[in-house]
Amino acid sequence: MQSNRNSQTTGQLTKTSTMVNIWKMKVNETKKRILKALRECGGYLSGETLSNQLGTSRVSIWKHIRSLKEDGYVIEASPRGYRLVSSPDLLLPYEFPGLEQRIHYFPEIGSTMDAARELAKKGAGEGTIVIAEAQTRGRGRLSREWLSPEGGIYFTLVLRPRISPAYAPRINLMASIAVAATIRKLFGLKAELKWPNDVLIEGRKVCGILAEMDAEMDVVNFVNVGIGINANTSIPQFEKTVTSLKDALGREISRKEFLSVLLMEIERQQPLLMKADLLEEWKKLSVTLNKDVRIVAPGEVIVGRAIDIDTTGALIVKERNGSLKKAMAGDCIHLREEAPNTDIGAVSRQHSV
């Protein structure tokens, strides 16, 4: 009897959750269509016209306009109708046409990685995105603290690649290439890559990437790729190993534009995941190859010259005695630019590249 009651309760909760999700989707869709209509008009659009275009009541239009204002949109209301004056630089779902239903947006969250993991375990599809304006429990590799104040770009992308788990590290390479390509394309800055997962500008870390895999013996169930970018954050002057796009450019950027271009770049890179072209592109952007490095890996420390990466994305290091070692993961320290042994993305209490 108890089992039946539990089953009924679970079923009711699932049904309620589904209904809430459907309601949210409808709200987002209506907001998106209102914004689209206002942007296309460029001037005033009457409530009656919006009501007719969207097939909903004027009261519903008014409620959604009010909700958009609460989101930060400046919408002027007059006897002539509504006019969109300005949009906030928020990473809201309806700012990314065609992706709205894939985006889970939070003004603040503990960790986008944790939320994405829960979604992936429940069957969230390829390309699901969890975005937050700020994180309170963000983390980098080895569960290190990853400070994520407002102004940055923090998101996790759910991928379900059909590859062997051995090749999953290539996803880090793919994501870092996409970030560097986006920075170069939009701003002309010389973004470079440090093994295994950092993006640098003039030797300073601007982005960190964390990939977490759920797999069986020879099958990848999903890989969640967390990306944290110092976008419009201000870095203290005494920090010499971290930067932001704002500091590098001397101005704030459009985070919406950056994320839109980055998501397109990741999509463009995905077909290359198992191709040699991906490795060659990473090598072109790398500042680790041909450097003397110390790799602090689980259970060992490797010191020598970084000479290549193999097909899985492992770093090949030639030790001083001439032997070759492979590092699958670990902290990479460029010996002539030695810094504290940390790996924190975004603005951090352990500001090390």
Protein backbone atom coordinates (compact mmCIF):
# COMPACT_ATOMS: atom_id res chain seq x y z
CA MET A 1 0.00 0.00 0.00
CA GLN A 2 2.82 2.38 0.95
CA SER A 3 4.56 1.58 -2.32
CA ASN A 4 1.41 2.45 -4.28
CA ARG A 5 1.08 5.75 -2.40
CA ASN A 6 4.72 6.59 -3.13
CA SER A 7 4.20 5.72 -6.76
CA GLN A 8 1.11 7.94 -6.94
CA THR A 9 2.97 10.81 -5.25
CA THR A 10 5.91 10.46 -7.66
CA GLY A 11 3.51 10.42 -10.59
CA GLN A 12 1.74 13.52 -9.34
CA LEU A 13 5.07 15.35 -8.84
CA THR A 14 6.22 14.36 -12.34
CA LYS A 15 2.93 15.55 -13.83
CA THR A 16 3.15 18.85 -11.91
CA SER A 17 6.78 19.36 -12.99
CA THR A 18 5.83 18.69 -16.62
CA MET A 19 2.96 21.18 -16.44
CA VAL A 20 5.26 23.83 -14.92
CA ASN A 21 7.82 23.27 -17.68
CA ILE A 22 5.13 23.58 -20.36
CA TRP A 23 3.92 26.83 -18.76
CA LYS A 24 7.47 28.21 -18.69
CA MET A 25 7.95 27.30 -22.35
CA LYS A 26 4.73 29.14 -23.28
CA VAL A 27 5.78 32.22 -21.28
CA ASN A 28 9.22 32.28 -22.94
CA GLU A 29 7.66 31.81 -26.36
CA THR A 30 5.24 34.70 -25.82
CA LYS A 31 8.01 36.99 -24.54
CA LYS A 32 10.16 36.05 -27.51
CA ARG A 33 7.37 36.88 -29.98
CA ILE A 34 6.64 40.21 -28.29
CA LEU A 35 10.32 41.18 -28.42
CA LYS A 36 10.56 40.09 -32.05
CA ALA A 37 7.51 42.19 -32.99
CA LEU A 38 8.77 45.26 -31.13
CA ARG A 39 12.24 44.98 -32.68
CA GLU A 40 10.88 44.56 -36.19
CA CYS A 41 8.55 47.52 -35.76
CA GLY A 42 11.27 49.84 -34.49
CA GLY A 43 8.64 52.25 -33.15
CA TYR A 44 5.36 52.04 -31.31
CA LEU A 45 3.18 48.96 -31.61
CA SER A 46 -0.29 49.00 -30.14
CA GLY A 47 -1.49 46.44 -27.65
CA GLU A 48 -4.31 45.59 -30.05
CA THR A 49 -1.89 44.90 -32.88
CA LEU A 50 0.28 42.73 -30.64
CA SER A 51 -2.81 40.92 -29.40
CA ASN A 52 -3.92 40.16 -32.96
CA GLN A 53 -0.45 39.11 -34.10
CA LEU A 54 0.09 36.76 -31.18
CA GLY A 55 -3.47 35.50 -30.91
CA THR A 56 -3.77 36.34 -27.23
CA SER A 57 -5.60 38.87 -25.07
CA ARG A 58 -4.44 42.44 -24.45
CA VAL A 59 -4.34 41.63 -20.74
CA SER A 60 -1.91 38.81 -21.49
CA ILE A 61 0.20 41.19 -23.58
CA TRP A 62 0.29 43.69 -20.72
CA LYS A 63 1.34 40.98 -18.22
CA HIS A 64 4.16 39.78 -20.46
CA ILE A 65 5.32 43.35 -21.10
CA ARG A 66 5.43 43.88 -17.34
CA SER A 67 7.42 40.66 -16.95
CA LEU A 68 9.89 41.82 -19.61
CA LYS A 69 10.34 45.10 -17.75
CA GLU A 70 11.11 43.11 -14.60
CA ASP A 71 13.75 41.26 -16.61
CA GLY A 72 15.43 44.58 -17.35
CA TYR A 73 13.96 45.54 -20.74
CA VAL A 74 13.11 49.22 -21.06
CA ILE A 75 9.75 49.33 -22.83
CA GLU A 76 7.97 52.64 -23.17
CA ALA A 77 4.16 52.62 -22.96
CA SER A 78 2.05 55.44 -24.39
CA PRO A 79 -1.38 55.90 -25.98
CA ARG A 80 0.31 54.88 -29.26
CA GLY A 81 1.35 51.52 -27.84
CA TYR A 82 4.62 49.96 -26.74
CA ARG A 83 8.15 50.75 -27.88
CA LEU A 84 11.31 48.83 -27.05
CA VAL A 85 13.88 51.38 -25.88
CA SER A 86 16.73 49.12 -24.75
CA SER A 87 17.56 45.55 -23.80
CA PRO A 88 19.60 44.39 -20.80
CA ASP A 89 22.87 42.56 -21.30
CA LEU A 90 21.39 39.47 -19.71
CA LEU A 91 21.75 35.97 -21.11
CA LEU A 92 18.01 35.30 -21.14
CA PRO A 93 16.66 32.44 -23.25
CA TYR A 94 14.68 34.64 -25.64
CA GLU A 95 17.83 36.58 -26.52
CA PHE A 96 19.01 33.50 -28.42
CA PRO A 97 16.46 32.78 -31.17
CA GLY A 98 16.16 29.09 -31.96
CA LEU A 99 17.81 28.01 -28.70
CA GLU A 100 15.17 29.14 -26.19
CA GLN A 101 13.87 25.68 -25.39
CA ARG A 102 17.39 24.34 -24.81
CA ILE A 103 18.40 27.05 -22.34
CA HIS A 104 17.91 26.83 -18.58
CA TYR A 105 18.57 30.32 -17.21
CA PHE A 106 19.33 31.33 -13.63
CA PRO A 107 20.08 34.83 -12.29
CA GLU A 108 22.17 33.02 -9.66
CA ILE A 109 22.91 29.36 -9.04
CA GLY A 110 25.23 27.21 -6.99
CA SER A 111 26.90 25.64 -10.02
CA THR A 112 25.84 25.31 -13.64
CA MET A 113 27.78 22.03 -13.71
CA ASP A 114 25.67 20.55 -10.92
CA ALA A 115 22.43 21.64 -12.56
CA ALA A 116 23.52 20.31 -15.95
CA ARG A 117 24.49 16.97 -14.41
CA GLU A 118 21.03 16.56 -12.91
CA LEU A 119 19.43 17.45 -16.24
CA ALA A 120 21.71 15.08 -18.18
CA LYS A 121 20.96 12.20 -15.80
CA LYS A 122 17.26 12.82 -16.39
CA GLY A 123 17.76 12.55 -20.15
CA ALA A 124 18.34 16.14 -21.25
CA GLY A 125 19.21 16.17 -24.91
CA GLU A 126 22.38 17.07 -26.76
CA GLY A 127 22.89 20.82 -26.71
CA THR A 128 21.06 21.56 -23.46
CA ILE A 129 22.56 24.72 -21.93
CA VAL A 130 22.56 25.89 -18.32
CA ILE A 131 23.38 29.60 -17.99
CA ALA A 132 23.82 31.72 -14.86
CA GLU A 133 24.59 35.38 -14.29
CA ALA A 134 26.52 34.38 -11.15
CA GLN A 135 27.52 31.21 -9.31
CA THR A 136 27.90 30.77 -5.57
CA ARG A 137 29.57 27.35 -5.68
CA GLY A 138 31.36 27.41 -9.02
CA ARG A 139 34.31 25.06 -9.32
CA GLY A 140 37.30 24.39 -11.52
CA ARG A 141 39.34 21.24 -11.90
CA LEU A 142 39.99 19.16 -8.78
CA SER A 143 36.93 20.86 -7.18
CA ARG A 144 38.81 24.11 -6.70
CA GLU A 145 36.83 27.24 -6.01
CA TRP A 146 35.82 29.22 -9.06
CA LEU A 147 34.53 32.67 -8.19
CA SER A 148 31.82 33.75 -10.60
CA PRO A 149 30.58 37.31 -9.98
CA GLU A 150 28.11 39.13 -12.18
CA GLY A 151 29.59 40.37 -15.43
CA GLY A 152 31.14 37.09 -16.49
CA ILE A 153 29.76 34.42 -18.80
CA TYR A 154 29.12 31.10 -17.05
CA PHE A 155 27.43 28.18 -18.73
CA THR A 156 27.50 24.42 -19.08
CA LEU A 157 26.75 22.61 -22.32
CA VAL A 158 25.46 19.03 -22.33
CA LEU A 159 27.02 16.90 -25.08
CA ARG A 160 26.37 13.28 -25.96
CA PRO A 161 29.23 12.43 -28.32
CA ARG A 162 29.46 8.99 -29.87
CA ILE A 163 33.10 8.44 -29.01
CA SER A 164 35.20 6.18 -26.85
CA PRO A 165 35.74 7.54 -23.32
CA ALA A 166 39.48 7.55 -24.09
CA TYR A 167 38.93 10.39 -26.54
CA ALA A 168 36.75 12.52 -24.26
CA PRO A 169 39.68 14.88 -23.42
CA ARG A 170 39.50 16.11 -27.02
CA ILE A 171 36.29 17.89 -26.02
CA ASN A 172 38.40 20.22 -23.83
CA LEU A 173 40.55 21.00 -26.86
CA MET A 174 37.48 21.63 -29.02
CA ALA A 175 35.89 23.98 -26.49
CA SER A 176 39.11 25.95 -25.93
CA ILE A 177 39.63 26.35 -29.68
CA ALA A 178 36.05 27.66 -30.00
CA VAL A 179 36.57 30.24 -27.24
CA ALA A 180 39.89 31.44 -28.70
CA ALA A 181 38.39 31.64 -32.19
CA THR A 182 35.47 33.70 -30.89
CA ILE A 183 37.76 36.16 -29.11
CA ARG A 184 39.93 36.54 -32.21
CA LYS A 185 36.94 36.92 -34.53
CA LEU A 186 35.04 39.50 -32.46
CA PHE A 187 37.88 41.57 -31.02
CA GLY A 188 41.06 40.80 -32.92
CA LEU A 189 42.81 39.86 -29.68
CA LYS A 190 45.51 37.20 -29.85
CA ALA A 191 43.84 34.51 -27.75
CA GLU A 192 46.07 31.48 -27.14
CA LEU A 193 45.70 28.09 -25.48
CA LYS A 194 47.44 26.55 -22.52
CA TRP A 195 47.14 22.81 -21.97
CA PRO A 196 44.82 21.34 -20.87
CA ASN A 197 41.95 23.82 -20.79
CA ASP A 198 42.87 27.49 -20.40
CA VAL A 199 42.47 30.40 -22.80
CA LEU A 200 44.98 33.23 -22.43
CA ILE A 201 45.34 36.81 -23.65
CA GLU A 202 48.91 38.11 -23.46
CA GLY A 203 49.76 35.28 -21.11
CA ARG A 204 46.88 35.96 -18.73
CA LYS A 205 43.97 33.64 -18.17
CA VAL A 206 40.66 34.91 -19.50
CA CYS A 207 38.72 31.64 -19.63
CA GLY A 208 38.71 28.28 -17.90
CA ILE A 209 37.01 25.11 -19.12
CA LEU A 210 35.92 22.08 -17.14
CA ALA A 211 34.61 18.87 -18.72
CA GLU A 212 32.95 16.13 -16.67
CA MET A 213 32.09 12.78 -18.21
CA ASP A 214 29.56 10.10 -17.35
CA ALA A 215 30.55 6.88 -19.09
CA GLU A 216 30.54 3.12 -19.01
CA MET A 217 33.36 0.81 -20.11
CA ASP A 218 33.34 1.86 -23.76
CA VAL A 219 30.38 4.20 -24.06
CA VAL A 220 30.08 7.90 -23.23
CA ASN A 221 26.67 8.70 -21.78
CA PHE A 222 27.29 12.43 -21.69
CA VAL A 223 30.01 15.03 -21.28
CA ASN A 224 29.17 18.33 -19.62
CA VAL A 225 31.41 21.20 -20.67
CA GLY A 226 31.52 24.11 -18.25
CA ILE A 227 32.93 27.38 -19.58
CA GLY A 228 33.68 30.44 -17.49
CA ILE A 229 34.79 33.63 -19.20
CA ASN A 230 35.97 36.85 -17.59
CA ALA A 231 33.89 39.13 -19.76
CA ASN A 232 32.89 42.39 -18.09
CA THR A 233 34.55 41.65 -14.77
CA SER A 234 37.27 43.95 -13.46
CA ILE A 235 40.49 42.29 -12.34
CA PRO A 236 42.52 43.87 -9.50
CA GLN A 237 45.64 45.59 -10.82
CA PHE A 238 47.95 43.50 -8.64
CA GLU A 239 46.81 40.34 -10.43
CA LYS A 240 49.34 39.48 -13.13
CA THR A 241 48.08 36.06 -14.24
CA VAL A 242 44.38 36.82 -14.87
CA THR A 243 42.61 39.24 -17.19
CA SER A 244 39.16 39.93 -18.58
CA LEU A 245 37.87 40.93 -21.98
CA LYS A 246 36.82 44.27 -20.49
CA ASP A 247 40.34 44.95 -19.21
CA ALA A 248 42.01 43.75 -22.40
CA LEU A 249 39.81 45.96 -24.59
CA GLY A 250 39.34 48.93 -22.27
CA ARG A 251 35.57 48.66 -22.63
CA GLU A 252 32.66 46.38 -21.85
CA ILE A 253 31.49 43.86 -24.40
CA SER A 254 28.07 42.53 -25.37
CA ARG A 255 27.92 39.24 -23.53
CA LYS A 256 24.89 38.23 -25.60
CA GLU A 257 26.80 38.67 -28.85
CA PHE A 258 29.82 36.83 -27.48
CA LEU A 259 27.80 33.83 -26.29
CA SER A 260 25.82 33.68 -29.54
CA VAL A 261 29.00 33.59 -31.63
CA LEU A 262 30.67 31.13 -29.24
CA LEU A 263 27.77 28.66 -29.39
CA MET A 264 27.88 28.80 -33.20
CA GLU A 265 31.64 28.25 -33.11
CA ILE A 266 31.27 25.21 -30.84
CA GLU A 267 28.68 23.81 -33.24
CA ARG A 268 31.09 24.40 -36.13
CA GLN A 269 33.90 22.63 -34.29
CA GLN A 270 31.90 19.55 -33.23
CA PRO A 271 32.17 17.66 -36.55
CA LEU A 272 35.97 18.02 -36.23
CA LEU A 273 36.06 16.35 -32.81
CA MET A 274 37.59 13.09 -34.07
CA LYS A 275 39.53 14.57 -36.98
CA ALA A 276 43.23 15.44 -37.16
CA ASP A 277 42.26 19.01 -38.08
CA LEU A 278 41.16 19.62 -34.50
CA LEU A 279 44.56 18.69 -33.12
CA GLU A 280 46.36 20.78 -35.72
CA GLU A 281 44.24 23.81 -34.91
CA TRP A 282 44.94 23.41 -31.19
CA LYS A 283 48.68 23.18 -31.88
CA LYS A 284 48.59 26.42 -33.88
CA LEU A 285 47.04 28.23 -30.93
CA SER A 286 49.07 26.54 -28.20
CA VAL A 287 51.52 28.38 -25.96
CA THR A 288 52.42 25.17 -24.12
CA LEU A 289 54.15 23.25 -26.90
CA ASN A 290 57.93 23.74 -27.04
CA LYS A 291 57.92 25.08 -23.50
CA ASP A 292 59.62 23.63 -20.43
CA VAL A 293 56.80 22.51 -18.15
CA ARG A 294 56.06 20.85 -14.87
CA ILE A 295 52.91 18.71 -14.89
CA VAL A 296 51.48 17.91 -11.49
CA ALA A 297 49.32 14.90 -12.29
CA PRO A 298 47.56 12.44 -9.98
CA GLY A 299 50.31 10.39 -8.37
CA GLU A 300 53.26 11.89 -10.25
CA VAL A 301 55.09 15.01 -11.33
CA ILE A 302 56.44 15.24 -14.88
CA VAL A 303 59.14 17.77 -15.76
CA GLY A 304 60.49 18.37 -19.24
CA ARG A 305 59.78 19.92 -22.64
CA ALA A 306 56.21 19.74 -23.99
CA ILE A 307 56.70 18.49 -27.52
CA ASP A 308 53.28 17.35 -28.77
CA ILE A 309 49.80 16.07 -27.98
CA ASP A 310 48.63 12.61 -28.96
CA THR A 311 45.37 11.57 -30.58
CA THR A 312 43.50 11.57 -27.26
CA GLY A 313 44.64 15.06 -26.32
CA ALA A 314 47.28 13.90 -23.83
CA LEU A 315 50.37 16.10 -23.56
CA ILE A 316 53.66 14.43 -24.54
CA VAL A 317 56.59 15.61 -22.44
CA LYS A 318 60.24 14.83 -23.15
CA GLU A 319 62.02 14.51 -19.84
CA ARG A 320 65.58 15.64 -19.30
CA ASN A 321 66.83 12.06 -19.55
CA GLY A 322 65.27 11.79 -23.01
CA SER A 323 62.32 9.57 -22.06
CA LEU A 324 58.80 10.47 -23.18
CA LYS A 325 55.90 10.73 -20.76
CA LYS A 326 52.22 11.29 -21.42
CA ALA A 327 50.10 13.49 -19.20
CA MET A 328 46.38 12.81 -19.48
CA ALA A 329 45.44 15.49 -16.96
CA GLY A 330 46.99 17.71 -14.32
CA ASP A 331 48.25 21.19 -13.56
CA CYS A 332 50.56 22.52 -16.24
CA ILE A 333 53.12 25.09 -15.14
CA HIS A 334 55.28 26.87 -17.68
CA LEU A 335 58.56 26.82 -15.80
CA ARG A 336 59.92 30.17 -16.91
CA GLU A 337 56.61 31.82 -16.10
CA GLU A 338 56.08 29.91 -12.89
CA ALA A 339 53.01 30.78 -10.84
CA PRO A 340 51.25 29.25 -7.84
CA ASN A 341 49.94 25.76 -8.55
CA THR A 342 46.24 26.42 -9.04
CA ASP A 343 43.67 26.19 -11.76
CA ILE A 344 40.80 28.56 -11.28
CA GLY A 345 38.72 29.98 -14.07
CA ALA A 346 36.99 33.36 -13.93
CA VAL A 347 37.86 35.85 -11.20
CA SER A 348 39.35 33.82 -8.41
CA ARG A 349 40.82 33.80 -4.95
CA GLN A 350 43.65 31.74 -6.42
CA HIS A 351 44.40 33.83 -9.48
CA SER A 352 46.79 31.51 -11.29
CA VAL A 353 46.96 30.66 -14.95
